[in-house]
PDB file of N, CA and C in Angstrom:
ATOM      1  N   MET A   1     207.510 149.363 115.356  1.00  0.00           N
ATOM      2  CA  MET A   1     207.634 149.402 116.803  1.00  0.00           C
ATOM      3  C   MET A   1     208.253 150.744 117.180  1.00  0.00           C
ATOM      4  N   SER A   2     207.623 151.422 118.109  1.00  0.00           N
ATOM      5  CA  SER A   2     208.137 152.739 118.497  1.00  0.00           C
ATOM      6  C   SER A   2     209.353 152.585 119.392  1.00  0.00           C
ATOM      7  N   SER A   3     210.080 153.659 119.500  1.00  0.00           N
ATOM      8  CA  SER A   3     211.280 153.625 120.339  1.00  0.00           C
ATOM      9  C   SER A   3     210.920 153.470 121.811  1.00  0.00           C
ATOM     10  N   LEU A   4     209.702 153.898 122.190  1.00  0.00           N
ATOM     11  CA  LEU A   4     209.281 153.763 123.584  1.00  0.00           C
ATOM     12  C   LEU A   4     209.133 152.301 123.975  1.00  0.00           C
ATOM     13  N   THR A   5     208.530 151.516 123.086  1.00  0.00           N
ATOM     14  CA  THR A   5     208.306 150.113 123.427  1.00  0.00           C
ATOM     15  C   THR A   5     209.597 149.313 123.485  1.00  0.00           C
ATOM     16  N   THR A   6     210.630 149.809 122.881  1.00  0.00           N
ATOM     17  CA  THR A   6     211.923 149.126 122.951  1.00  0.00           C
ATOM     18  C   THR A   6     212.835 149.758 123.985  1.00  0.00           C
ATOM     19  N   ALA A   7     212.380 150.824 124.633  1.00  0.00           N
ATOM     20  CA  ALA A   7     213.202 151.509 125.627  1.00  0.00           C
ATOM     21  C   ALA A   7     213.446 150.598 126.826  1.00  0.00           C
ATOM     22  N   SER A   8     214.603 150.773 127.418  1.00  0.00           N
ATOM     23  CA  SER A   8     214.973 149.991 128.581  1.00  0.00           C
ATOM     24  C   SER A   8     213.975 150.213 129.717  1.00  0.00           C
ATOM     25  N   GLY A   9     213.432 149.139 130.253  1.00  0.00           N
ATOM     26  CA  GLY A   9     212.528 149.231 131.393  1.00  0.00           C
ATOM     27  C   GLY A   9     211.058 149.321 131.052  1.00  0.00           C
ATOM     28  N   TYR A  10     210.715 149.634 129.785  1.00  0.00           N
ATOM     29  CA  TYR A  10     209.298 149.782 129.445  1.00  0.00           C
ATOM     30  C   TYR A  10     208.546 148.465 129.594  1.00  0.00           C
ATOM     31  N   THR A  11     209.132 147.373 129.139  1.00  0.00           N
ATOM     32  CA  THR A  11     208.466 146.080 129.184  1.00  0.00           C
ATOM     33  C   THR A  11     208.126 145.694 130.615  1.00  0.00           C
ATOM     34  N   SER A  12     209.057 145.884 131.524  1.00  0.00           N
ATOM     35  CA  SER A  12     208.778 145.547 132.922  1.00  0.00           C
ATOM     36  C   SER A  12     207.764 146.522 133.530  1.00  0.00           C
ATOM     37  N   PHE A  13     207.799 147.789 133.100  1.00  0.00           N
ATOM     38  CA  PHE A  13     206.827 148.782 133.556  1.00  0.00           C
ATOM     39  C   PHE A  13     205.414 148.371 133.128  1.00  0.00           C
ATOM     40  N   LEU A  14     205.265 147.988 131.848  1.00  0.00           N
ATOM     41  CA  LEU A  14     203.976 147.546 131.331  1.00  0.00           C
ATOM     42  C   LEU A  14     203.490 146.312 132.083  1.00  0.00           C
ATOM     43  N   LYS A  15     204.384 145.359 132.307  1.00  0.00           N
ATOM     44  CA  LYS A  15     204.028 144.141 133.031  1.00  0.00           C
ATOM     45  C   LYS A  15     203.531 144.475 134.439  1.00  0.00           C
ATOM     46  N   ASP A  16     204.180 145.406 135.106  1.00  0.00           N
ATOM     47  CA  ASP A  16     203.783 145.811 136.453  1.00  0.00           C
ATOM     48  C   ASP A  16     202.401 146.474 136.444  1.00  0.00           C
ATOM     49  N   ILE A  17     202.162 147.357 135.497  1.00  0.00           N
ATOM     50  CA  ILE A  17     200.863 148.037 135.401  1.00  0.00           C
ATOM     51  C   ILE A  17     199.756 147.022 135.149  1.00  0.00           C
ATOM     52  N   LYS A  18     199.987 146.088 134.228  1.00  0.00           N
ATOM     53  CA  LYS A  18     198.972 145.072 133.938  1.00  0.00           C
ATOM     54  C   LYS A  18     198.703 144.212 135.168  1.00  0.00           C
ATOM     55  N   SER A  19     199.731 143.889 135.899  1.00  0.00           N
ATOM     56  CA  SER A  19     199.572 143.105 137.116  1.00  0.00           C
ATOM     57  C   SER A  19     198.749 143.864 138.161  1.00  0.00           C
ATOM     58  N   ARG A  20     199.002 145.146 138.298  1.00  0.00           N
ATOM     59  CA  ARG A  20     198.249 145.960 139.256  1.00  0.00           C
ATOM     60  C   ARG A  20     196.778 146.082 138.854  1.00  0.00           C
ATOM     61  N   ILE A  21     196.533 146.210 137.561  1.00  0.00           N
ATOM     62  CA  ILE A  21     195.146 146.276 137.072  1.00  0.00           C
ATOM     63  C   ILE A  21     194.424 144.970 137.386  1.00  0.00           C
ATOM     64  N   ARG A  22     195.063 143.846 137.078  1.00  0.00           N
ATOM     65  CA  ARG A  22     194.437 142.545 137.348  1.00  0.00           C
ATOM     66  C   ARG A  22     194.186 142.343 138.838  1.00  0.00           C
ATOM     67  N   SER A  23     195.121 142.758 139.646  1.00  0.00           N
ATOM     68  CA  SER A  23     194.965 142.643 141.090  1.00  0.00           C
ATOM     69  C   SER A  23     193.787 143.484 141.590  1.00  0.00           C
ATOM     70  N   ALA A  24     193.668 144.693 141.105  1.00  0.00           N
ATOM     71  CA  ALA A  24     192.561 145.564 141.504  1.00  0.00           C
ATOM     72  C   ALA A  24     191.227 144.993 141.034  1.00  0.00           C
ATOM     73  N   GLN A  25     191.195 144.447 139.833  1.00  0.00           N
ATOM     74  CA  GLN A  25     189.966 143.833 139.328  1.00  0.00           C
ATOM     75  C   GLN A  25     189.558 142.644 140.198  1.00  0.00           C
ATOM     76  N   TYR A  26     190.518 141.828 140.585  1.00  0.00           N
ATOM     77  CA  TYR A  26     190.251 140.678 141.429  1.00  0.00           C
ATOM     78  C   TYR A  26     189.728 141.122 142.797  1.00  0.00           C
ATOM     79  N   GLN A  27     190.363 142.135 143.379  1.00  0.00           N
ATOM     80  CA  GLN A  27     189.926 142.636 144.684  1.00  0.00           C
ATOM     81  C   GLN A  27     188.505 143.200 144.605  1.00  0.00           C
ATOM     82  N   ALA A  28     188.188 143.898 143.530  1.00  0.00           N
ATOM     83  CA  ALA A  28     186.834 144.445 143.350  1.00  0.00           C
ATOM     84  C   ALA A  28     185.818 143.320 143.218  1.00  0.00           C
ATOM     85  N   LEU A  29     186.177 142.284 142.489  1.00  0.00           N
ATOM     86  CA  LEU A  29     185.288 141.138 142.321  1.00  0.00           C
ATOM     87  C   LEU A  29     185.041 140.441 143.657  1.00  0.00           C
ATOM     88  N   ARG A  30     186.080 140.259 144.433  1.00  0.00           N
ATOM     89  CA  ARG A  30     185.935 139.635 145.756  1.00  0.00           C
ATOM     90  C   ARG A  30     185.043 140.474 146.656  1.00  0.00           C
ATOM     91  N   ALA A  31     185.219 141.791 146.644  1.00  0.00           N
ATOM     92  CA  ALA A  31     184.400 142.667 147.476  1.00  0.00           C
ATOM     93  C   ALA A  31     182.937 142.616 147.055  1.00  0.00           C
ATOM     94  N   ALA A  32     182.699 142.617 145.752  1.00  0.00           N
ATOM     95  CA  ALA A  32     181.323 142.550 145.251  1.00  0.00           C
ATOM     96  C   ALA A  32     180.676 141.225 145.642  1.00  0.00           C
ATOM     97  N   ASN A  33     181.401 140.122 145.500  1.00  0.00           N
ATOM     98  CA  ASN A  33     180.865 138.815 145.871  1.00  0.00           C
ATOM     99  C   ASN A  33     180.554 138.748 147.359  1.00  0.00           C
ATOM    100  N   LYS A  34     181.420 139.322 148.177  1.00  0.00           N
ATOM    101  CA  LYS A  34     181.197 139.339 149.627  1.00  0.00           C
ATOM    102  C   LYS A  34     179.920 140.103 149.949  1.00  0.00           C
ATOM    103  N   GLU A  35     179.711 141.227 149.313  1.00  0.00           N
ATOM    104  CA  GLU A  35     178.501 142.014 149.546  1.00  0.00           C
ATOM    105  C   GLU A  35     177.252 141.265 149.113  1.00  0.00           C
ATOM    106  N   LEU A  36     177.321 140.598 147.972  1.00  0.00           N
ATOM    107  CA  LEU A  36     176.158 139.848 147.481  1.00  0.00           C
ATOM    108  C   LEU A  36     175.812 138.678 148.396  1.00  0.00           C
ATOM    109  N   VAL A  37     176.804 137.966 148.886  1.00  0.00           N
ATOM    110  CA  VAL A  37     176.537 136.861 149.808  1.00  0.00           C
ATOM    111  C   VAL A  37     175.866 137.400 151.069  1.00  0.00           C
ATOM    112  N   GLY A  38     176.367 138.521 151.577  1.00  0.00           N
ATOM    113  CA  GLY A  38     175.746 139.141 152.747  1.00  0.00           C
ATOM    114  C   GLY A  38     174.317 139.575 152.479  1.00  0.00           C
ATOM    115  N   LEU A  39     174.078 140.143 151.308  1.00  0.00           N
ATOM    116  CA  LEU A  39     172.731 140.562 150.930  1.00  0.00           C
ATOM    117  C   LEU A  39     171.803 139.358 150.846  1.00  0.00           C
ATOM    118  N   TYR A  40     172.245 138.296 150.191  1.00  0.00           N
ATOM    119  CA  TYR A  40     171.411 137.104 150.039  1.00  0.00           C
ATOM    120  C   TYR A  40     171.089 136.485 151.398  1.00  0.00           C
ATOM    121  N   TRP A  41     172.068 136.438 152.274  1.00  0.00           N
ATOM    122  CA  TRP A  41     171.839 135.910 153.620  1.00  0.00           C
ATOM    123  C   TRP A  41     170.813 136.774 154.349  1.00  0.00           C
ATOM    124  N   ASP A  42     170.955 138.088 154.236  1.00  0.00           N
ATOM    125  CA  ASP A  42     170.028 139.000 154.904  1.00  0.00           C
ATOM    126  C   ASP A  42     168.605 138.890 154.347  1.00  0.00           C
ATOM    127  N   ILE A  43     168.484 138.752 153.039  1.00  0.00           N
ATOM    128  CA  ILE A  43     167.155 138.571 152.436  1.00  0.00           C
ATOM    129  C   ILE A  43     166.532 137.269 152.950  1.00  0.00           C
ATOM    130  N   GLY A  44     167.303 136.198 152.987  1.00  0.00           N
ATOM    131  CA  GLY A  44     166.804 134.930 153.504  1.00  0.00           C
ATOM    132  C   GLY A  44     166.365 135.046 154.951  1.00  0.00           C
ATOM    133  N   LYS A  45     167.140 135.754 155.737  1.00  0.00           N
ATOM    134  CA  LYS A  45     166.802 135.974 157.151  1.00  0.00           C
ATOM    135  C   LYS A  45     165.512 136.779 157.271  1.00  0.00           C
ATOM    136  N   SER A  46     165.385 137.806 156.471  1.00  0.00           N
ATOM    137  CA  SER A  46     164.181 138.647 156.510  1.00  0.00           C
ATOM    138  C   SER A  46     162.934 137.854 156.126  1.00  0.00           C
ATOM    139  N   ILE A  47     163.051 137.032 155.101  1.00  0.00           N
ATOM    140  CA  ILE A  47     161.921 136.195 154.686  1.00  0.00           C
ATOM    141  C   ILE A  47     161.536 135.256 155.822  1.00  0.00           C
ATOM    142  N   HIS A  48     162.523 134.593 156.375  1.00  0.00           N
ATOM    143  CA  HIS A  48     162.272 133.643 157.462  1.00  0.00           C
ATOM    144  C   HIS A  48     161.597 134.341 158.652  1.00  0.00           C
ATOM    145  N   GLU A  49     162.107 135.499 159.027  1.00  0.00           N
ATOM    146  CA  GLU A  49     161.543 136.230 160.171  1.00  0.00           C
ATOM    147  C   GLU A  49     160.100 136.645 159.921  1.00  0.00           C
ATOM    148  N   LYS A  50     159.817 137.134 158.720  1.00  0.00           N
ATOM    149  CA  LYS A  50     158.445 137.545 158.394  1.00  0.00           C
ATOM    150  C   LYS A  50     157.506 136.342 158.395  1.00  0.00           C
ATOM    151  N   GLN A  51     157.982 135.232 157.902  1.00  0.00           N
ATOM    152  CA  GLN A  51     157.143 134.042 157.910  1.00  0.00           C
ATOM    153  C   GLN A  51     156.859 133.591 159.340  1.00  0.00           C
ATOM    154  N   GLN A  52     157.833 133.762 160.213  1.00  0.00           N
ATOM    155  CA  GLN A  52     157.641 133.360 161.602  1.00  0.00           C
ATOM    156  C   GLN A  52     156.764 134.344 162.374  1.00  0.00           C
ATOM    157  N   THR A  53     157.049 135.628 162.240  1.00  0.00           N
ATOM    158  CA  THR A  53     156.332 136.624 163.048  1.00  0.00           C
ATOM    159  C   THR A  53     154.982 137.022 162.483  1.00  0.00           C
ATOM    160  N   GLU A  54     154.868 137.032 161.152  1.00  0.00           N
ATOM    161  CA  GLU A  54     153.631 137.472 160.512  1.00  0.00           C
ATOM    162  C   GLU A  54     152.755 136.309 160.060  1.00  0.00           C
ATOM    163  N   GLY A  55     153.301 135.107 160.138  1.00  0.00           N
ATOM    164  CA  GLY A  55     152.547 133.944 159.699  1.00  0.00           C
ATOM    165  C   GLY A  55     152.409 133.838 158.189  1.00  0.00           C
ATOM    166  N   TRP A  56     153.305 134.506 157.471  1.00  0.00           N
ATOM    167  CA  TRP A  56     153.267 134.444 156.019  1.00  0.00           C
ATOM    168  C   TRP A  56     153.621 133.033 155.561  1.00  0.00           C
ATOM    169  N   GLY A  57     152.965 132.579 154.528  1.00  0.00           N
ATOM    170  CA  GLY A  57     153.220 131.257 153.986  1.00  0.00           C
ATOM    171  C   GLY A  57     154.184 131.293 152.813  1.00  0.00           C
ATOM    172  N   LYS A  58     154.156 130.216 152.065  1.00  0.00           N
ATOM    173  CA  LYS A  58     155.056 130.066 150.922  1.00  0.00           C
ATOM    174  C   LYS A  58     154.735 131.039 149.789  1.00  0.00           C
ATOM    175  N   ALA A  59     153.482 131.484 149.712  1.00  0.00           N
ATOM    176  CA  ALA A  59     153.071 132.364 148.611  1.00  0.00           C
ATOM    177  C   ALA A  59     153.823 133.692 148.618  1.00  0.00           C
ATOM    178  N   VAL A  60     154.322 134.090 149.770  1.00  0.00           N
ATOM    179  CA  VAL A  60     155.040 135.363 149.837  1.00  0.00           C
ATOM    180  C   VAL A  60     156.292 135.330 148.955  1.00  0.00           C
ATOM    181  N   ILE A  61     156.886 134.169 148.795  1.00  0.00           N
ATOM    182  CA  ILE A  61     158.094 134.041 147.965  1.00  0.00           C
ATOM    183  C   ILE A  61     157.776 134.383 146.513  1.00  0.00           C
ATOM    184  N   GLN A  62     156.688 133.832 145.989  1.00  0.00           N
ATOM    185  CA  GLN A  62     156.287 134.110 144.605  1.00  0.00           C
ATOM    186  C   GLN A  62     155.989 135.591 144.416  1.00  0.00           C
ATOM    187  N   THR A  63     155.250 136.173 145.351  1.00  0.00           N
ATOM    188  CA  THR A  63     154.886 137.589 145.254  1.00  0.00           C
ATOM    189  C   THR A  63     156.120 138.476 145.346  1.00  0.00           C
ATOM    190  N   LEU A  64     156.999 138.175 146.297  1.00  0.00           N
ATOM    191  CA  LEU A  64     158.226 138.952 146.462  1.00  0.00           C
ATOM    192  C   LEU A  64     159.107 138.864 145.219  1.00  0.00           C
ATOM    193  N   ALA A  65     159.218 137.677 144.670  1.00  0.00           N
ATOM    194  CA  ALA A  65     160.036 137.494 143.458  1.00  0.00           C
ATOM    195  C   ALA A  65     159.487 138.333 142.310  1.00  0.00           C
ATOM    196  N   ALA A  66     158.183 138.284 142.110  1.00  0.00           N
ATOM    197  CA  ALA A  66     157.574 139.067 141.024  1.00  0.00           C
ATOM    198  C   ALA A  66     157.792 140.559 141.238  1.00  0.00           C
ATOM    199  N   ASP A  67     157.620 141.027 142.458  1.00  0.00           N
ATOM    200  CA  ASP A  67     157.801 142.449 142.747  1.00  0.00           C
ATOM    201  C   ASP A  67     159.253 142.890 142.572  1.00  0.00           C
ATOM    202  N   LEU A  68     160.197 142.064 143.014  1.00  0.00           N
ATOM    203  CA  LEU A  68     161.617 142.410 142.862  1.00  0.00           C
ATOM    204  C   LEU A  68     162.038 142.404 141.401  1.00  0.00           C
ATOM    205  N   GLN A  69     161.551 141.429 140.638  1.00  0.00           N
ATOM    206  CA  GLN A  69     161.890 141.372 139.216  1.00  0.00           C
ATOM    207  C   GLN A  69     161.287 142.552 138.463  1.00  0.00           C
ATOM    208  N   SER A  70     160.138 143.014 138.916  1.00  0.00           N
ATOM    209  CA  SER A  70     159.517 144.184 138.298  1.00  0.00           C
ATOM    210  C   SER A  70     160.308 145.452 138.615  1.00  0.00           C
ATOM    211  N   GLU A  71     160.781 145.545 139.827  1.00  0.00           N
ATOM    212  CA  GLU A  71     161.533 146.730 140.260  1.00  0.00           C
ATOM    213  C   GLU A  71     162.941 146.765 139.677  1.00  0.00           C
ATOM    214  N   PHE A  72     163.543 145.593 139.495  1.00  0.00           N
ATOM    215  CA  PHE A  72     164.914 145.491 138.997  1.00  0.00           C
ATOM    216  C   PHE A  72     164.961 144.656 137.715  1.00  0.00           C
ATOM    217  N   PRO A  73     164.353 145.157 136.640  1.00  0.00           N
ATOM    218  CA  PRO A  73     164.313 144.371 135.396  1.00  0.00           C
ATOM    219  C   PRO A  73     165.718 144.136 134.842  1.00  0.00           C
ATOM    220  N   GLY A  74     165.913 142.950 134.345  1.00  0.00           N
ATOM    221  CA  GLY A  74     167.209 142.620 133.754  1.00  0.00           C
ATOM    222  C   GLY A  74     168.258 142.204 134.763  1.00  0.00           C
ATOM    223  N   GLN A  75     167.960 142.338 136.048  1.00  0.00           N
ATOM    224  CA  GLN A  75     168.906 141.933 137.076  1.00  0.00           C
ATOM    225  C   GLN A  75     168.529 140.540 137.556  1.00  0.00           C
ATOM    226  N   SER A  76     169.416 139.605 137.368  1.00  0.00           N
ATOM    227  CA  SER A  76     169.110 138.227 137.737  1.00  0.00           C
ATOM    228  C   SER A  76     169.354 138.012 139.229  1.00  0.00           C
ATOM    229  N   GLY A  77     168.818 136.911 139.725  1.00  0.00           N
ATOM    230  CA  GLY A  77     169.091 136.533 141.109  1.00  0.00           C
ATOM    231  C   GLY A  77     167.902 136.622 142.041  1.00  0.00           C
ATOM    232  N   PHE A  78     166.779 137.158 141.564  1.00  0.00           N
ATOM    233  CA  PHE A  78     165.648 137.345 142.459  1.00  0.00           C
ATOM    234  C   PHE A  78     164.427 136.540 142.030  1.00  0.00           C
ATOM    235  N   SER A  79     164.664 135.381 141.440  1.00  0.00           N
ATOM    236  CA  SER A  79     163.556 134.490 141.088  1.00  0.00           C
ATOM    237  C   SER A  79     163.032 133.844 142.367  1.00  0.00           C
ATOM    238  N   ALA A  80     161.871 133.246 142.278  1.00  0.00           N
ATOM    239  CA  ALA A  80     161.303 132.553 143.439  1.00  0.00           C
ATOM    240  C   ALA A  80     162.246 131.432 143.903  1.00  0.00           C
ATOM    241  N   THR A  81     162.815 130.728 142.954  1.00  0.00           N
ATOM    242  CA  THR A  81     163.750 129.652 143.305  1.00  0.00           C
ATOM    243  C   THR A  81     164.942 130.197 144.071  1.00  0.00           C
ATOM    244  N   ASN A  82     165.503 131.294 143.589  1.00  0.00           N
ATOM    245  CA  ASN A  82     166.661 131.876 144.272  1.00  0.00           C
ATOM    246  C   ASN A  82     166.293 132.412 145.651  1.00  0.00           C
ATOM    247  N   LEU A  83     165.104 132.981 145.783  1.00  0.00           N
ATOM    248  CA  LEU A  83     164.671 133.454 147.100  1.00  0.00           C
ATOM    249  C   LEU A  83     164.531 132.281 148.075  1.00  0.00           C
ATOM    250  N   TRP A  84     164.057 131.135 147.584  1.00  0.00           N
ATOM    251  CA  TRP A  84     164.010 129.936 148.428  1.00  0.00           C
ATOM    252  C   TRP A  84     165.413 129.510 148.828  1.00  0.00           C
ATOM    253  N   TYR A  85     166.346 129.556 147.885  1.00  0.00           N
ATOM    254  CA  TYR A  85     167.732 129.213 148.210  1.00  0.00           C
ATOM    255  C   TYR A  85     168.287 130.151 149.279  1.00  0.00           C
ATOM    256  N   MET A  86     167.952 131.433 149.178  1.00  0.00           N
ATOM    257  CA  MET A  86     168.416 132.403 150.173  1.00  0.00           C
ATOM    258  C   MET A  86     167.879 132.049 151.549  1.00  0.00           C
ATOM    259  N   ARG A  87     166.615 131.674 151.594  1.00  0.00           N
ATOM    260  CA  ARG A  87     166.006 131.318 152.872  1.00  0.00           C
ATOM    261  C   ARG A  87     166.652 130.031 153.417  1.00  0.00           C
ATOM    262  N   GLN A  88     166.892 129.083 152.552  1.00  0.00           N
ATOM    263  CA  GLN A  88     167.531 127.839 152.975  1.00  0.00           C
ATOM    264  C   GLN A  88     168.977 128.074 153.403  1.00  0.00           C
ATOM    265  N   PHE A  89     169.640 128.993 152.736  1.00  0.00           N
ATOM    266  CA  PHE A  89     171.028 129.325 153.071  1.00  0.00           C
ATOM    267  C   PHE A  89     171.105 129.809 154.507  1.00  0.00           C
ATOM    268  N   LEU A  90     170.136 130.610 154.903  1.00  0.00           N
ATOM    269  CA  LEU A  90     170.093 131.104 156.281  1.00  0.00           C
ATOM    270  C   LEU A  90     169.956 129.948 157.268  1.00  0.00           C
ATOM    271  N   ARG A  91     169.095 129.016 156.939  1.00  0.00           N
ATOM    272  CA  ARG A  91     168.784 127.927 157.843  1.00  0.00           C
ATOM    273  C   ARG A  91     169.796 126.799 157.776  1.00  0.00           C
ATOM    274  N   GLY A  92     170.714 126.875 156.830  1.00  0.00           N
ATOM    275  CA  GLY A  92     171.724 125.831 156.718  1.00  0.00           C
ATOM    276  C   GLY A  92     171.195 124.530 156.146  1.00  0.00           C
ATOM    277  N   VAL A  93     170.085 124.644 155.411  1.00  0.00           N
ATOM    278  CA  VAL A  93     169.486 123.442 154.813  1.00  0.00           C
ATOM    279  C   VAL A  93     170.186 123.107 153.530  1.00  0.00           C
TER     280      VAL A  93
END
């Protein structure tokens, strides 16, 4: 054990730094989740609006899901099922 780790005040200093790191990580996670919920709501709204104004049917969900998965490979969340959930989330179903 080095003399630094046994020095007066180091243990509390380390504890404070670790606490600040955890707090920042939590805040970043909350911000990211907030952005994703907003994005999902907006995607659901956009789908709903296009279906209403353009007369698009259910098939647009499958096509959109395939195109999004192709554009963002390895990124989950854009399956046809999830896009339906996004649309339902908007409508409160």
